[in-house]
Amino acid sequence: MFLSETGFAKPLLPPILDYMSITTKVLCIDLGGTHCSSALVDREEERVVEESYFRCPVDSNGSRAQILREIQEILHMTLSSNPSKPSKVIVSCPGPFDYENGISRMDGMNKYQAILNFNLREFFADIIGIAPESVCFYNDAAAFLLGEVYFRKLEQKRIIGLTLGTGLGSSIYVNGRIEDLNYGSAPFQGGIVEDVISTRGMIGHLKEKFGRISVDNIKDLVQTSGLEEQRRDAFDYLTANLREFIKQYLAPLAPDLIVIGGSIAKANSLFFEDLQSSLEQNLEVASFDECNLFLGLTFEPLNI
């Protein structure tokens, strides 16, 4: 739908929501740096509702109206897939963010600048037609880790999750509790960690070493022919710095397992084996199934 004059979006599909019965289904939303995905989760049956999952690009550097419209269109598809009104909404999104109140604090992060200080809790409540208190937010790194703990059935273990992408997300799960480690902002190599271990860190390294480079993201770096030398150099750079980061920051936490996910980790064949062989810690690549993230967010023993 479209934004109203107040800046909020008009409710999705008013005729449908008017007669929808409220159920135990939960609307889960994953708002990433370049995408938004959503699905309905049946909490009683512990499953993602069939044909309710959708994922589409979002221009996080667009205007406020564009960003909200693109998010709303994705939710429209999910809500239109099933005649059940969700009783709750759970949103995974990157920081800085006021997770308690649902307000974006992303400033100077090269994403979502246009929704700085915008109240997403009220936005989601308004377009879906539920009470604001039924909308809650999780840090994206914490949400990722909940999904991996759920998928691997590791509720009794000490697990660290890392997400590698436009930034670096980090969280730890211990004894039924999850904590955002926020190591992306930790001191490292004369700056902070995600200045180095991130898309901008890898691309910046290549520009410094090779001068001009024809790609500006890791997916294109991996898939574009003729960039074999740059690709190899970029992932050697990632491996070396990720190794030092794990030794400096994660090893002292004595995790049973470190799970590595995020968009960069989808190219794990280019770095994971070398990284694993050079460390004493147990590492695994993420499941890369967003449905696990949604199920982790709604699984009662983990939904803390």
Protein backbone atom coordinates (compact mmCIF):
# COMPACT_ATOMS: atom_id res chain seq x y z
CA MET A 1 0.00 0.00 0.00
CA PHE A 2 1.03 3.65 0.33
CA LEU A 3 2.13 5.99 3.09
CA SER A 4 -0.52 8.16 4.68
CA GLU A 5 -0.07 11.88 5.23
CA THR A 6 1.06 11.18 8.79
CA GLY A 7 4.06 9.25 7.50
CA PHE A 8 2.74 5.84 8.51
CA ALA A 9 1.55 3.31 6.00
CA LYS A 10 -2.09 2.58 5.48
CA PRO A 11 -3.14 -0.85 6.83
CA LEU A 12 -2.47 -3.79 4.55
CA LEU A 13 -5.53 -5.32 2.94
CA PRO A 14 -8.14 -3.80 5.31
CA PRO A 15 -10.98 -6.10 4.19
CA ILE A 16 -8.92 -9.21 4.96
CA LEU A 17 -7.60 -8.02 8.31
CA ASP A 18 -11.09 -6.94 9.35
CA TYR A 19 -12.38 -10.49 9.42
CA MET A 20 -9.17 -12.35 10.19
CA SER A 21 -9.32 -14.25 13.45
CA ILE A 22 -6.37 -13.73 15.78
CA THR A 23 -4.41 -16.97 16.13
CA THR A 24 -1.24 -18.27 17.72
CA LYS A 25 0.60 -17.57 14.49
CA VAL A 26 3.51 -15.13 14.70
CA LEU A 27 4.65 -12.84 11.90
CA CYS A 28 8.46 -12.95 11.78
CA ILE A 29 10.42 -10.29 9.91
CA ASP A 30 14.14 -10.22 9.12
CA LEU A 31 15.30 -6.75 8.09
CA GLY A 32 18.83 -6.94 6.72
CA GLY A 33 21.19 -4.44 5.20
CA THR A 34 19.99 -5.18 1.66
CA HIS A 35 16.82 -7.25 2.07
CA CYS A 36 13.66 -7.92 4.02
CA SER A 37 12.06 -11.31 4.51
CA SER A 38 8.95 -12.41 6.34
CA ALA A 39 6.98 -15.52 7.19
CA LEU A 40 4.21 -16.74 9.46
CA VAL A 41 5.22 -19.25 12.13
CA ASP A 42 2.72 -21.61 13.71
CA ARG A 43 3.91 -21.62 17.30
CA GLU A 44 1.82 -24.64 18.35
CA GLU A 45 3.06 -26.85 15.51
CA GLU A 46 6.59 -25.36 15.50
CA ARG A 47 6.72 -24.80 11.76
CA VAL A 48 6.82 -22.07 9.15
CA VAL A 49 3.41 -21.82 7.53
CA GLU A 50 3.50 -23.16 3.99
CA GLU A 51 3.87 -20.56 1.23
CA SER A 52 4.11 -17.66 3.71
CA TYR A 53 7.86 -17.06 3.32
CA PHE A 54 8.96 -14.19 1.07
CA ARG A 55 12.28 -12.41 0.63
CA CYS A 56 12.92 -9.33 -1.52
CA PRO A 57 15.61 -6.65 -1.88
CA VAL A 58 15.30 -3.40 0.05
CA ASP A 59 17.24 -0.28 -0.89
CA SER A 60 18.50 0.67 2.57
CA ASN A 61 19.96 3.86 1.12
CA GLY A 62 16.62 4.94 -0.34
CA SER A 63 14.19 7.52 1.00
CA ARG A 64 12.08 6.82 4.06
CA ALA A 65 8.97 6.39 1.92
CA GLN A 66 10.75 3.97 -0.42
CA ILE A 67 12.19 1.84 2.40
CA LEU A 68 8.85 1.56 4.19
CA ARG A 69 6.98 0.84 0.97
CA GLU A 70 9.36 -1.98 0.05
CA ILE A 71 9.08 -3.51 3.52
CA GLN A 72 5.31 -3.24 3.42
CA GLU A 73 5.05 -4.92 0.04
CA ILE A 74 6.89 -7.97 1.41
CA LEU A 75 4.63 -8.16 4.45
CA HIS A 76 1.65 -7.82 2.13
CA MET A 77 2.70 -11.01 0.34
CA THR A 78 3.11 -12.95 3.58
CA LEU A 79 -0.16 -11.77 5.11
CA SER A 80 -2.02 -12.45 1.88
CA SER A 81 -0.82 -16.06 1.89
CA ASN A 82 -2.86 -17.15 4.89
CA PRO A 83 -6.27 -16.12 6.31
CA SER A 84 -4.94 -15.80 9.86
CA LYS A 85 -4.10 -12.58 11.63
CA PRO A 86 -0.87 -12.89 13.62
CA SER A 87 -1.09 -12.45 17.37
CA LYS A 88 2.48 -11.18 17.58
CA VAL A 89 5.21 -9.69 15.40
CA ILE A 90 8.91 -10.42 15.98
CA VAL A 91 11.45 -8.36 14.05
CA SER A 92 15.15 -9.07 13.60
CA CYS A 93 17.14 -6.00 12.57
CA PRO A 94 20.67 -4.58 12.76
CA GLY A 95 21.86 -1.97 15.20
CA PRO A 96 22.36 0.59 16.46
CA PHE A 97 18.71 0.25 17.39
CA ASP A 98 16.49 0.92 20.41
CA TYR A 99 15.18 -2.64 20.63
CA GLU A 100 12.99 -1.95 23.65
CA ASN A 101 11.05 0.85 21.96
CA GLY A 102 11.43 -0.14 18.31
CA ILE A 103 13.26 2.99 17.14
CA SER A 104 16.07 2.99 14.59
CA ARG A 105 19.33 4.60 15.73
CA MET A 106 21.30 3.73 12.58
CA ASP A 107 23.27 6.89 11.86
CA GLY A 108 26.24 7.00 9.50
CA MET A 109 26.09 3.23 8.97
CA ASN A 110 25.62 3.37 5.18
CA LYS A 111 22.16 1.84 5.58
CA TYR A 112 18.72 2.99 6.73
CA GLN A 113 19.83 6.57 7.33
CA ALA A 114 16.40 7.75 6.17
CA ILE A 115 14.61 5.99 9.03
CA LEU A 116 16.89 7.34 11.75
CA ASN A 117 14.77 7.94 14.90
CA PHE A 118 11.74 6.46 13.16
CA ASN A 119 9.42 4.31 15.30
CA LEU A 120 9.19 0.97 13.52
CA ARG A 121 7.10 -0.55 16.31
CA GLU A 122 4.28 1.86 15.58
CA PHE A 123 4.78 1.42 11.85
CA PHE A 124 4.39 -2.37 12.00
CA ALA A 125 1.49 -2.17 14.45
CA ASP A 126 -0.26 0.35 12.21
CA ILE A 127 0.01 -1.55 8.94
CA ILE A 128 -0.77 -4.97 10.44
CA GLY A 129 -3.51 -3.80 12.76
CA ILE A 130 -2.28 -5.07 16.13
CA ALA A 131 -1.30 -3.40 19.39
CA PRO A 132 2.20 -1.89 19.50
CA GLU A 133 3.04 -3.97 22.58
CA SER A 134 2.60 -7.09 20.43
CA VAL A 135 5.59 -6.05 18.28
CA CYS A 136 9.07 -6.89 19.62
CA PHE A 137 12.58 -6.56 18.23
CA TYR A 138 15.80 -8.61 18.34
CA ASN A 139 19.32 -7.70 17.33
CA ASP A 140 20.00 -9.47 14.04
CA ALA A 141 23.12 -11.26 15.31
CA ALA A 142 21.20 -12.54 18.35
CA ALA A 143 18.32 -13.66 16.14
CA PHE A 144 20.73 -15.49 13.83
CA LEU A 145 22.25 -17.30 16.79
CA LEU A 146 18.85 -18.29 18.22
CA GLY A 147 18.05 -19.88 14.88
CA GLU A 148 21.31 -21.83 14.81
CA VAL A 149 20.91 -23.02 18.41
CA TYR A 150 17.39 -24.18 17.58
CA PHE A 151 18.50 -25.91 14.37
CA ARG A 152 21.38 -27.74 16.03
CA LYS A 153 19.50 -28.53 19.28
CA LEU A 154 22.31 -27.01 21.35
CA GLU A 155 20.26 -25.41 24.11
CA GLN A 156 22.67 -26.70 26.77
CA LYS A 157 25.86 -25.50 25.07
CA ARG A 158 27.91 -22.30 24.99
CA ILE A 159 27.62 -20.98 21.43
CA ILE A 160 28.93 -17.84 19.71
CA GLY A 161 27.41 -16.59 16.48
CA LEU A 162 29.18 -14.35 13.97
CA THR A 163 27.54 -12.71 10.97
CA LEU A 164 29.83 -11.36 8.26
CA GLY A 165 28.37 -8.87 5.80
CA THR A 166 28.00 -5.10 5.57
CA GLY A 167 29.19 -5.19 9.19
CA LEU A 168 30.14 -7.81 11.76
CA GLY A 169 27.51 -9.10 14.18
CA SER A 170 28.42 -11.09 17.27
CA SER A 171 26.43 -12.71 20.05
CA ILE A 172 26.76 -15.46 22.64
CA TYR A 173 24.25 -18.00 23.94
CA VAL A 174 24.87 -19.43 27.43
CA ASN A 175 22.48 -21.24 29.78
CA GLY A 176 19.34 -20.13 28.01
CA ARG A 177 20.45 -16.50 27.80
CA ILE A 178 21.62 -14.60 24.76
CA GLU A 179 23.76 -11.47 24.74
CA ASP A 180 24.83 -9.11 21.97
CA LEU A 181 28.62 -8.95 22.18
CA ASN A 182 28.83 -5.90 19.89
CA TYR A 183 32.37 -6.81 18.86
CA GLY A 184 31.88 -5.11 15.51
CA SER A 185 32.70 -1.86 17.33
CA ALA A 186 35.63 -3.31 19.31
CA PRO A 187 39.16 -1.88 18.76
CA PHE A 188 41.06 -3.72 16.02
CA GLN A 189 43.96 -2.95 13.65
CA GLY A 190 43.95 0.74 14.50
CA GLY A 191 40.20 1.12 13.98
CA ILE A 192 37.26 -1.12 14.83
CA VAL A 193 36.60 -4.74 13.89
CA GLU A 194 34.02 -4.14 11.18
CA ASP A 195 36.25 -1.61 9.45
CA VAL A 196 38.32 -4.69 8.57
CA ILE A 197 36.07 -7.78 8.74
CA SER A 198 33.21 -6.70 6.51
CA THR A 199 32.37 -6.00 2.89
CA ARG A 200 33.79 -2.49 3.10
CA GLY A 201 36.94 -3.81 4.79
CA MET A 202 37.59 -6.37 2.05
CA ILE A 203 36.74 -4.03 -0.83
CA GLY A 204 38.75 -1.23 0.78
CA HIS A 205 41.74 -3.53 1.06
CA LEU A 206 41.51 -4.40 -2.63
CA LYS A 207 41.27 -0.76 -3.67
CA GLU A 208 44.31 0.06 -1.57
CA LYS A 209 46.32 -2.80 -3.04
CA PHE A 210 45.14 -2.87 -6.67
CA GLY A 211 43.88 0.67 -7.15
CA ARG A 212 40.65 0.58 -9.09
CA ILE A 213 38.38 -2.46 -8.74
CA SER A 214 35.27 -3.08 -10.83
CA VAL A 215 33.00 -4.46 -8.07
CA ASP A 216 31.74 -3.04 -4.80
CA ASN A 217 30.30 -6.12 -3.08
CA ILE A 218 31.41 -9.65 -2.24
CA LYS A 219 28.80 -11.44 -4.33
CA ASP A 220 30.06 -9.75 -7.51
CA LEU A 221 33.67 -10.30 -6.45
CA VAL A 222 32.98 -14.03 -6.18
CA GLN A 223 30.95 -14.36 -9.37
CA THR A 224 32.76 -12.02 -11.80
CA SER A 225 35.27 -13.67 -14.10
CA GLY A 226 38.72 -12.14 -14.48
CA LEU A 227 39.02 -11.25 -10.78
CA GLU A 228 40.70 -14.44 -9.60
CA GLU A 229 43.74 -12.66 -8.14
CA GLN A 230 41.65 -10.03 -6.34
CA ARG A 231 39.23 -12.68 -5.06
CA ARG A 232 42.04 -14.82 -3.66
CA ASP A 233 43.69 -11.80 -2.05
CA ALA A 234 40.44 -10.57 -0.51
CA PHE A 235 39.67 -13.90 1.13
CA ASP A 236 43.27 -14.35 2.32
CA TYR A 237 42.86 -10.91 3.94
CA LEU A 238 39.56 -11.99 5.50
CA THR A 239 40.98 -15.27 6.79
CA ALA A 240 44.03 -13.65 8.40
CA ASN A 241 42.02 -10.96 10.15
CA LEU A 242 39.19 -13.25 11.18
CA ARG A 243 41.76 -15.61 12.70
CA GLU A 244 43.29 -12.81 14.77
CA PHE A 245 39.88 -11.51 15.81
CA ILE A 246 38.79 -14.94 17.04
CA LYS A 247 42.01 -15.42 18.99
CA GLN A 248 41.78 -11.96 20.55
CA TYR A 249 38.08 -11.74 21.36
CA LEU A 250 36.31 -15.09 21.10
CA ALA A 251 38.80 -17.66 22.36
CA PRO A 252 38.82 -16.17 25.90
CA LEU A 253 35.06 -16.82 26.08
CA ALA A 254 35.68 -20.58 25.73
CA PRO A 255 32.76 -21.40 23.42
CA ASP A 256 31.78 -24.98 22.60
CA LEU A 257 31.11 -23.84 19.05
CA ILE A 258 31.41 -20.74 16.85
CA VAL A 259 28.85 -20.55 14.05
CA ILE A 260 29.73 -18.25 11.14
CA GLY A 261 26.99 -16.85 8.93
CA GLY A 262 26.10 -13.71 7.01
CA SER A 263 26.34 -12.95 3.30
CA ILE A 264 30.15 -13.21 3.15
CA ALA A 265 30.06 -16.66 4.73
CA LYS A 266 28.02 -17.92 1.79
CA ALA A 267 31.40 -17.95 0.02
CA ASN A 268 32.78 -20.21 2.76
CA SER A 269 34.46 -22.51 0.23
CA LEU A 270 37.00 -19.71 -0.32
CA PHE A 271 38.15 -19.33 3.28
CA PHE A 272 36.52 -21.61 5.86
CA GLU A 273 38.83 -24.63 5.59
CA ASP A 274 41.97 -22.50 6.01
CA LEU A 275 40.40 -20.64 8.93
CA GLN A 276 39.29 -23.83 10.71
CA SER A 277 42.68 -25.53 10.31
CA SER A 278 44.49 -22.60 11.92
CA LEU A 279 42.36 -22.41 15.08
CA GLU A 280 41.76 -24.64 18.09
CA GLN A 281 38.12 -23.57 18.42
CA ASN A 282 35.30 -25.58 16.84
CA LEU A 283 33.80 -23.71 13.89
CA GLU A 284 30.78 -24.45 11.73
CA VAL A 285 29.18 -22.68 8.81
CA ALA A 286 25.61 -21.49 9.32
CA SER A 287 22.62 -23.41 8.00
CA PHE A 288 21.68 -20.47 5.73
CA ASP A 289 18.01 -21.30 6.18
CA GLU A 290 16.10 -18.21 7.23
CA CYS A 291 13.27 -20.41 8.43
CA ASN A 292 15.58 -21.57 11.23
CA LEU A 293 15.97 -17.95 12.32
CA PHE A 294 12.20 -17.53 12.42
CA LEU A 295 11.69 -20.79 14.31
CA GLY A 296 14.40 -19.85 16.80
CA LEU A 297 12.70 -16.51 17.47
CA THR A 298 9.39 -18.22 18.24
CA PHE A 299 10.59 -21.38 19.99
CA GLU A 300 9.45 -20.94 23.60
CA PRO A 301 12.57 -22.24 25.44
CA LEU A 302 14.73 -19.87 23.39
CA ASN A 303 12.36 -16.91 23.12
CA ILE A 304 13.75 -15.06 26.13
